[in-house]
Amino acid sequence: FTISRDNAKNTVYRQMNSLKPEDTAVYYCATDQ
């Protein structure tokens, strides 16, 4: 997995490669306090 961000677009990304069945989940983003 690779996390990145584009502050000009107010967006954070996560590229997920070589996915496995154990990666099955609901994925959430969150902001630091």
ModelCIF file with pLDDT and N, C-alpha, C, O atoms, coordinates in Angstrom:
data_MODEL
#
_entry.id   MODEL 
#
_entity.id                         1 
_entity.type                       polymer 
_entity.pdbx_number_of_molecules   1 
#
_entity_poly.entity_id                      1 
_entity_poly.type                           'polypeptide(L)' 
_entity_poly.nstd_linkage                   no 
_entity_poly.nstd_monomer                   no 
_entity_poly.pdbx_seq_one_letter_code       FTISRDNAKNTVYRQMNSLKPEDTAVYYCATDQ 
_entity_poly.pdbx_seq_one_letter_code_can   FTISRDNAKNTVYRQMNSLKPEDTAVYYCATDQ 
_entity_poly.pdbx_strand_id                 A 
#
loop_
_entity_poly_seq.entity_id 
_entity_poly_seq.num 
_entity_poly_seq.mon_id 
_entity_poly_seq.hetero 
1 1  PHE n 
1 2  THR n 
1 3  ILE n 
1 4  SER n 
1 5  ARG n 
1 6  ASP n 
1 7  ASN n 
1 8  ALA n 
1 9  LYS n 
1 10 ASN n 
1 11 THR n 
1 12 VAL n 
1 13 TYR n 
1 14 ARG n 
1 15 GLN n 
1 16 MET n 
1 17 ASN n 
1 18 SER n 
1 19 LEU n 
1 20 LYS n 
1 21 PRO n 
1 22 GLU n 
1 23 ASP n 
1 24 THR n 
1 25 ALA n 
1 26 VAL n 
1 27 TYR n 
1 28 TYR n 
1 29 CYS n 
1 30 ALA n 
1 31 THR n 
1 32 ASP n 
1 33 GLN n 
#
_struct_asym.id          A 
_struct_asym.entity_id   1 
#
loop_
_ma_qa_metric.id 
_ma_qa_metric.mode 
_ma_qa_metric.name 
_ma_qa_metric.software_group_id 
_ma_qa_metric.type 
1 global pLDDT . pLDDT 
2 local  pLDDT . pLDDT 
#
_ma_qa_metric_global.metric_id      1 
_ma_qa_metric_global.metric_value   96.79 
_ma_qa_metric_global.model_id       1 
_ma_qa_metric_global.ordinal_id     1 
#
loop_
_ma_qa_metric_local.label_asym_id 
_ma_qa_metric_local.label_comp_id 
_ma_qa_metric_local.label_seq_id 
_ma_qa_metric_local.metric_id 
_ma_qa_metric_local.metric_value 
_ma_qa_metric_local.model_id 
_ma_qa_metric_local.ordinal_id 
A PHE 1  2 97.00 1 1  
A THR 2  2 98.00 1 2  
A ILE 3  2 97.00 1 3  
A SER 4  2 97.00 1 4  
A ARG 5  2 97.00 1 5  
A ASP 6  2 97.00 1 6  
A ASN 7  2 96.00 1 7  
A ALA 8  2 96.00 1 8  
A LYS 9  2 96.00 1 9  
A ASN 10 2 96.00 1 10 
A THR 11 2 97.00 1 11 
A VAL 12 2 97.00 1 12 
A TYR 13 2 96.00 1 13 
A ARG 14 2 95.00 1 14 
A GLN 15 2 97.00 1 15 
A MET 16 2 97.00 1 16 
A ASN 17 2 98.00 1 17 
A SER 18 2 98.00 1 18 
A LEU 19 2 98.00 1 19 
A LYS 20 2 97.00 1 20 
A PRO 21 2 97.00 1 21 
A GLU 22 2 96.00 1 22 
A ASP 23 2 97.00 1 23 
A THR 24 2 97.00 1 24 
A ALA 25 2 97.00 1 25 
A VAL 26 2 97.00 1 26 
A TYR 27 2 97.00 1 27 
A TYR 28 2 97.00 1 28 
A CYS 29 2 97.00 1 29 
A ALA 30 2 97.00 1 30 
A THR 31 2 97.00 1 31 
A ASP 32 2 96.00 1 32 
A GLN 33 2 95.00 1 33 
#
loop_
_atom_site.group_PDB 
_atom_site.id 
_atom_site.type_symbol 
_atom_site.label_atom_id 
_atom_site.label_alt_id 
_atom_site.label_comp_id 
_atom_site.label_asym_id 
_atom_site.label_entity_id 
_atom_site.label_seq_id 
_atom_site.pdbx_PDB_ins_code 
_atom_site.Cartn_x 
_atom_site.Cartn_y 
_atom_site.Cartn_z 
_atom_site.occupancy 
_atom_site.B_iso_or_equiv 
_atom_site.pdbx_formal_charge 
_atom_site.auth_seq_id 
_atom_site.auth_comp_id 
_atom_site.auth_asym_id 
_atom_site.auth_atom_id 
_atom_site.pdbx_PDB_model_num 
ATOM 1   N N  . PHE A 1 1  ? 0.844   -1.193  0.000  1.00 97.00 ? 1  PHE A N  1 
ATOM 2   C CA . PHE A 1 1  ? 0.000   0.000   0.000  1.00 97.00 ? 1  PHE A CA 1 
ATOM 3   C C  . PHE A 1 1  ? 0.882   1.247   0.000  1.00 97.00 ? 1  PHE A C  1 
ATOM 4   O O  . PHE A 1 1  ? 1.975   1.251   0.567  1.00 97.00 ? 1  PHE A O  1 
ATOM 5   N N  . THR A 1 2  ? 0.391   2.298   -0.643 1.00 98.00 ? 2  THR A N  1 
ATOM 6   C CA . THR A 1 2  ? 1.085   3.586   -0.650 1.00 98.00 ? 2  THR A CA 1 
ATOM 7   C C  . THR A 1 2  ? 0.083   4.687   -0.368 1.00 98.00 ? 2  THR A C  1 
ATOM 8   O O  . THR A 1 2  ? -0.946  4.792   -1.035 1.00 98.00 ? 2  THR A O  1 
ATOM 9   N N  . ILE A 1 3  ? 0.394   5.508   0.628  1.00 97.00 ? 3  ILE A N  1 
ATOM 10  C CA . ILE A 1 3  ? -0.464  6.636   0.962  1.00 97.00 ? 3  ILE A CA 1 
ATOM 11  C C  . ILE A 1 3  ? 0.171   7.907   0.394  1.00 97.00 ? 3  ILE A C  1 
ATOM 12  O O  . ILE A 1 3  ? 1.390   8.070   0.431  1.00 97.00 ? 3  ILE A O  1 
ATOM 13  N N  . SER A 1 4  ? -0.665  8.800   -0.128 1.00 97.00 ? 4  SER A N  1 
ATOM 14  C CA . SER A 1 4  ? -0.185  10.061  -0.677 1.00 97.00 ? 4  SER A CA 1 
ATOM 15  C C  . SER A 1 4  ? -1.277  11.105  -0.491 1.00 97.00 ? 4  SER A C  1 
ATOM 16  O O  . SER A 1 4  ? -2.397  10.778  -0.099 1.00 97.00 ? 4  SER A O  1 
ATOM 17  N N  . ARG A 1 5  ? -0.951  12.344  -0.771 1.00 97.00 ? 5  ARG A N  1 
ATOM 18  C CA . ARG A 1 5  ? -1.943  13.400  -0.628 1.00 97.00 ? 5  ARG A CA 1 
ATOM 19  C C  . ARG A 1 5  ? -1.676  14.503  -1.637 1.00 97.00 ? 5  ARG A C  1 
ATOM 20  O O  . ARG A 1 5  ? -0.550  14.707  -2.091 1.00 97.00 ? 5  ARG A O  1 
ATOM 21  N N  . ASP A 1 6  ? -2.752  15.210  -1.973 1.00 97.00 ? 6  ASP A N  1 
ATOM 22  C CA . ASP A 1 6  ? -2.686  16.383  -2.831 1.00 97.00 ? 6  ASP A CA 1 
ATOM 23  C C  . ASP A 1 6  ? -3.375  17.507  -2.071 1.00 97.00 ? 6  ASP A C  1 
ATOM 24  O O  . ASP A 1 6  ? -4.603  17.594  -2.065 1.00 97.00 ? 6  ASP A O  1 
ATOM 25  N N  . ASN A 1 7  ? -2.604  18.349  -1.442 1.00 96.00 ? 7  ASN A N  1 
ATOM 26  C CA . ASN A 1 7  ? -3.190  19.405  -0.609 1.00 96.00 ? 7  ASN A CA 1 
ATOM 27  C C  . ASN A 1 7  ? -3.938  20.438  -1.442 1.00 96.00 ? 7  ASN A C  1 
ATOM 28  O O  . ASN A 1 7  ? -4.843  21.099  -0.933 1.00 96.00 ? 7  ASN A O  1 
ATOM 29  N N  . ALA A 1 8  ? -3.584  20.583  -2.684 1.00 96.00 ? 8  ALA A N  1 
ATOM 30  C CA . ALA A 1 8  ? -4.312  21.523  -3.542 1.00 96.00 ? 8  ALA A CA 1 
ATOM 31  C C  . ALA A 1 8  ? -5.732  21.035  -3.815 1.00 96.00 ? 8  ALA A C  1 
ATOM 32  O O  . ALA A 1 8  ? -6.629  21.831  -4.093 1.00 96.00 ? 8  ALA A O  1 
ATOM 33  N N  . LYS A 1 9  ? -5.928  19.721  -3.733 1.00 96.00 ? 9  LYS A N  1 
ATOM 34  C CA . LYS A 1 9  ? -7.245  19.131  -3.964 1.00 96.00 ? 9  LYS A CA 1 
ATOM 35  C C  . LYS A 1 9  ? -7.915  18.665  -2.681 1.00 96.00 ? 9  LYS A C  1 
ATOM 36  O O  . LYS A 1 9  ? -9.002  18.088  -2.713 1.00 96.00 ? 9  LYS A O  1 
ATOM 37  N N  . ASN A 1 10 ? -7.254  18.922  -1.537 1.00 96.00 ? 10 ASN A N  1 
ATOM 38  C CA . ASN A 1 10 ? -7.799  18.496  -0.247 1.00 96.00 ? 10 ASN A CA 1 
ATOM 39  C C  . ASN A 1 10 ? -8.145  17.006  -0.253 1.00 96.00 ? 10 ASN A C  1 
ATOM 40  O O  . ASN A 1 10 ? -9.199  16.602  0.238  1.00 96.00 ? 10 ASN A O  1 
ATOM 41  N N  . THR A 1 11 ? -7.270  16.217  -0.800 1.00 97.00 ? 11 THR A N  1 
ATOM 42  C CA . THR A 1 11 ? -7.551  14.802  -0.969 1.00 97.00 ? 11 THR A CA 1 
ATOM 43  C C  . THR A 1 11 ? -6.335  13.967  -0.564 1.00 97.00 ? 11 THR A C  1 
ATOM 44  O O  . THR A 1 11 ? -5.189  14.313  -0.853 1.00 97.00 ? 11 THR A O  1 
ATOM 45  N N  . VAL A 1 12 ? -6.625  12.862  0.113  1.00 97.00 ? 12 VAL A N  1 
ATOM 46  C CA . VAL A 1 12 ? -5.592  11.880  0.430  1.00 97.00 ? 12 VAL A CA 1 
ATOM 47  C C  . VAL A 1 12 ? -5.944  10.589  -0.301 1.00 97.00 ? 12 VAL A C  1 
ATOM 48  O O  . VAL A 1 12 ? -7.116  10.239  -0.445 1.00 97.00 ? 12 VAL A O  1 
ATOM 49  N N  . TYR A 1 13 ? -4.915  9.893   -0.756 1.00 96.00 ? 13 TYR A N  1 
ATOM 50  C CA . TYR A 1 13 ? -5.109  8.696   -1.556 1.00 96.00 ? 13 TYR A CA 1 
ATOM 51  C C  . TYR A 1 13 ? -4.424  7.502   -0.891 1.00 96.00 ? 13 TYR A C  1 
ATOM 52  O O  . TYR A 1 13 ? -3.508  7.648   -0.081 1.00 96.00 ? 13 TYR A O  1 
ATOM 53  N N  . ARG A 1 14 ? -4.905  6.322   -1.265 1.00 95.00 ? 14 ARG A N  1 
ATOM 54  C CA . ARG A 1 14 ? -4.162  5.132   -0.909 1.00 95.00 ? 14 ARG A CA 1 
ATOM 55  C C  . ARG A 1 14 ? -4.200  4.157   -2.069 1.00 95.00 ? 14 ARG A C  1 
ATOM 56  O O  . ARG A 1 14 ? -5.262  3.670   -2.456 1.00 95.00 ? 14 ARG A O  1 
ATOM 57  N N  . GLN A 1 15 ? -3.055  3.887   -2.604 1.00 97.00 ? 15 GLN A N  1 
ATOM 58  C CA . GLN A 1 15 ? -2.915  2.901   -3.656 1.00 97.00 ? 15 GLN A CA 1 
ATOM 59  C C  . GLN A 1 15 ? -2.673  1.548   -3.011 1.00 97.00 ? 15 GLN A C  1 
ATOM 60  O O  . GLN A 1 15 ? -1.758  1.392   -2.202 1.00 97.00 ? 15 GLN A O  1 
ATOM 61  N N  . MET A 1 16 ? -3.486  0.581   -3.368 1.00 97.00 ? 16 MET A N  1 
ATOM 62  C CA . MET A 1 16 ? -3.375  -0.750  -2.792 1.00 97.00 ? 16 MET A CA 1 
ATOM 63  C C  . MET A 1 16 ? -3.063  -1.740  -3.902 1.00 97.00 ? 16 MET A C  1 
ATOM 64  O O  . MET A 1 16 ? -3.852  -1.907  -4.832 1.00 97.00 ? 16 MET A O  1 
ATOM 65  N N  . ASN A 1 17 ? -1.933  -2.385  -3.807 1.00 98.00 ? 17 ASN A N  1 
ATOM 66  C CA . ASN A 1 17 ? -1.506  -3.380  -4.791 1.00 98.00 ? 17 ASN A CA 1 
ATOM 67  C C  . ASN A 1 17 ? -1.395  -4.751  -4.132 1.00 98.00 ? 17 ASN A C  1 
ATOM 68  O O  . ASN A 1 17 ? -1.366  -4.870  -2.907 1.00 98.00 ? 17 ASN A O  1 
ATOM 69  N N  . SER A 1 18 ? -1.336  -5.771  -4.964 1.00 98.00 ? 18 SER A N  1 
ATOM 70  C CA . SER A 1 18 ? -1.181  -7.157  -4.477 1.00 98.00 ? 18 SER A CA 1 
ATOM 71  C C  . SER A 1 18 ? -2.187  -7.458  -3.375 1.00 98.00 ? 18 SER A C  1 
ATOM 72  O O  . SER A 1 18 ? -1.835  -7.981  -2.318 1.00 98.00 ? 18 SER A O  1 
ATOM 73  N N  . LEU A 1 19 ? -3.421  -7.124  -3.636 1.00 98.00 ? 19 LEU A N  1 
ATOM 74  C CA . LEU A 1 19 ? -4.450  -7.296  -2.611 1.00 98.00 ? 19 LEU A CA 1 
ATOM 75  C C  . LEU A 1 19 ? -4.663  -8.756  -2.261 1.00 98.00 ? 19 LEU A C  1 
ATOM 76  O O  . LEU A 1 19 ? -4.556  -9.647  -3.104 1.00 98.00 ? 19 LEU A O  1 
ATOM 77  N N  . LYS A 1 20 ? -4.966  -8.972  -0.992 1.00 97.00 ? 20 LYS A N  1 
ATOM 78  C CA . LYS A 1 20 ? -5.182  -10.312 -0.447 1.00 97.00 ? 20 LYS A CA 1 
ATOM 79  C C  . LYS A 1 20 ? -6.594  -10.394 0.125  1.00 97.00 ? 20 LYS A C  1 
ATOM 80  O O  . LYS A 1 20 ? -7.167  -9.366  0.486  1.00 97.00 ? 20 LYS A O  1 
ATOM 81  N N  . PRO A 1 21 ? -7.160  -11.579 0.215  1.00 97.00 ? 21 PRO A N  1 
ATOM 82  C CA . PRO A 1 21 ? -8.498  -11.699 0.824  1.00 97.00 ? 21 PRO A CA 1 
ATOM 83  C C  . PRO A 1 21 ? -8.567  -11.107 2.229  1.00 97.00 ? 21 PRO A C  1 
ATOM 84  O O  . PRO A 1 21 ? -9.610  -10.592 2.633  1.00 97.00 ? 21 PRO A O  1 
ATOM 85  N N  . GLU A 1 22 ? -7.472  -11.176 2.971  1.00 96.00 ? 22 GLU A N  1 
ATOM 86  C CA . GLU A 1 22 ? -7.477  -10.626 4.328  1.00 96.00 ? 22 GLU A CA 1 
ATOM 87  C C  . GLU A 1 22 ? -7.479  -9.104  4.349  1.00 96.00 ? 22 GLU A C  1 
ATOM 88  O O  . GLU A 1 22 ? -7.587  -8.509  5.421  1.00 96.00 ? 22 GLU A O  1 
ATOM 89  N N  . ASP A 1 23 ? -7.362  -8.464  3.196  1.00 97.00 ? 23 ASP A N  1 
ATOM 90  C CA . ASP A 1 23 ? -7.510  -7.012  3.114  1.00 97.00 ? 23 ASP A CA 1 
ATOM 91  C C  . ASP A 1 23 ? -8.976  -6.593  3.044  1.00 97.00 ? 23 ASP A C  1 
ATOM 92  O O  . ASP A 1 23 ? -9.283  -5.402  3.090  1.00 97.00 ? 23 ASP A O  1 
ATOM 93  N N  . THR A 1 24 ? -9.865  -7.547  2.937  1.00 97.00 ? 24 THR A N  1 
ATOM 94  C CA . THR A 1 24 ? -11.293 -7.243  2.874  1.00 97.00 ? 24 THR A CA 1 
ATOM 95  C C  . THR A 1 24 ? -11.728 -6.532  4.150  1.00 97.00 ? 24 THR A C  1 
ATOM 96  O O  . THR A 1 24 ? -11.538 -7.047  5.252  1.00 97.00 ? 24 THR A O  1 
ATOM 97  N N  . ALA A 1 25 ? -12.315 -5.342  3.997  1.00 97.00 ? 25 ALA A N  1 
ATOM 98  C CA . ALA A 1 25 ? -12.716 -4.529  5.148  1.00 97.00 ? 25 ALA A CA 1 
ATOM 99  C C  . ALA A 1 25 ? -13.390 -3.265  4.642  1.00 97.00 ? 25 ALA A C  1 
ATOM 100 O O  . ALA A 1 25 ? -13.370 -2.961  3.449  1.00 97.00 ? 25 ALA A O  1 
ATOM 101 N N  . VAL A 1 26 ? -13.984 -2.540  5.572  1.00 97.00 ? 26 VAL A N  1 
ATOM 102 C CA . VAL A 1 26 ? -14.400 -1.168  5.308  1.00 97.00 ? 26 VAL A CA 1 
ATOM 103 C C  . VAL A 1 26 ? -13.218 -0.272  5.660  1.00 97.00 ? 26 VAL A C  1 
ATOM 104 O O  . VAL A 1 26 ? -12.653 -0.368  6.750  1.00 97.00 ? 26 VAL A O  1 
ATOM 105 N N  . TYR A 1 27 ? -12.859 0.583   4.740  1.00 97.00 ? 27 TYR A N  1 
ATOM 106 C CA . TYR A 1 27 ? -11.708 1.461   4.924  1.00 97.00 ? 27 TYR A CA 1 
ATOM 107 C C  . TYR A 1 27 ? -12.168 2.880   5.227  1.00 97.00 ? 27 TYR A C  1 
ATOM 108 O O  . TYR A 1 27 ? -13.059 3.421   4.572  1.00 97.00 ? 27 TYR A O  1 
ATOM 109 N N  . TYR A 1 28 ? -11.535 3.467   6.239  1.00 97.00 ? 28 TYR A N  1 
ATOM 110 C CA . TYR A 1 28 ? -11.900 4.796   6.713  1.00 97.00 ? 28 TYR A CA 1 
ATOM 111 C C  . TYR A 1 28 ? -10.688 5.728   6.666  1.00 97.00 ? 28 TYR A C  1 
ATOM 112 O O  . TYR A 1 28 ? -9.567  5.315   6.963  1.00 97.00 ? 28 TYR A O  1 
ATOM 113 N N  . CYS A 1 29 ? -10.919 6.973   6.296  1.00 97.00 ? 29 CYS A N  1 
ATOM 114 C CA . CYS A 1 29 ? -9.875  7.981   6.483  1.00 97.00 ? 29 CYS A CA 1 
ATOM 115 C C  . CYS A 1 29 ? -10.265 8.836   7.686  1.00 97.00 ? 29 CYS A C  1 
ATOM 116 O O  . CYS A 1 29 ? -11.432 8.909   8.071  1.00 97.00 ? 29 CYS A O  1 
ATOM 117 N N  . ALA A 1 30 ? -9.264  9.472   8.260  1.00 97.00 ? 30 ALA A N  1 
ATOM 118 C CA . ALA A 1 30 ? -9.478  10.267  9.457  1.00 97.00 ? 30 ALA A CA 1 
ATOM 119 C C  . ALA A 1 30 ? -8.432  11.371  9.549  1.00 97.00 ? 30 ALA A C  1 
ATOM 120 O O  . ALA A 1 30 ? -7.340  11.258  8.993  1.00 97.00 ? 30 ALA A O  1 
ATOM 121 N N  . THR A 1 31 ? -8.782  12.438  10.258 1.00 97.00 ? 31 THR A N  1 
ATOM 122 C CA . THR A 1 31 ? -7.850  13.550  10.451 1.00 97.00 ? 31 THR A CA 1 
ATOM 123 C C  . THR A 1 31 ? -7.296  13.541  11.872 1.00 97.00 ? 31 THR A C  1 
ATOM 124 O O  . THR A 1 31 ? -8.005  13.241  12.833 1.00 97.00 ? 31 THR A O  1 
ATOM 125 N N  . ASP A 1 32 ? -6.025  13.872  11.978 1.00 96.00 ? 32 ASP A N  1 
ATOM 126 C CA . ASP A 1 32 ? -5.388  14.023  13.280 1.00 96.00 ? 32 ASP A CA 1 
ATOM 127 C C  . ASP A 1 32 ? -6.106  15.126  14.064 1.00 96.00 ? 32 ASP A C  1 
ATOM 128 O O  . ASP A 1 32 ? -6.664  16.053  13.477 1.00 96.00 ? 32 ASP A O  1 
ATOM 129 N N  . GLN A 1 33 ? -6.086  15.015  15.381 1.00 95.00 ? 33 GLN A N  1 
ATOM 130 C CA . GLN A 1 33 ? -6.758  15.994  16.227 1.00 95.00 ? 33 GLN A CA 1 
ATOM 131 C C  . GLN A 1 33 ? -6.097  17.363  16.176 1.00 95.00 ? 33 GLN A C  1 
ATOM 132 O O  . GLN A 1 33 ? -6.552  18.294  16.839 1.00 95.00 ? 33 GLN A O  1 
#
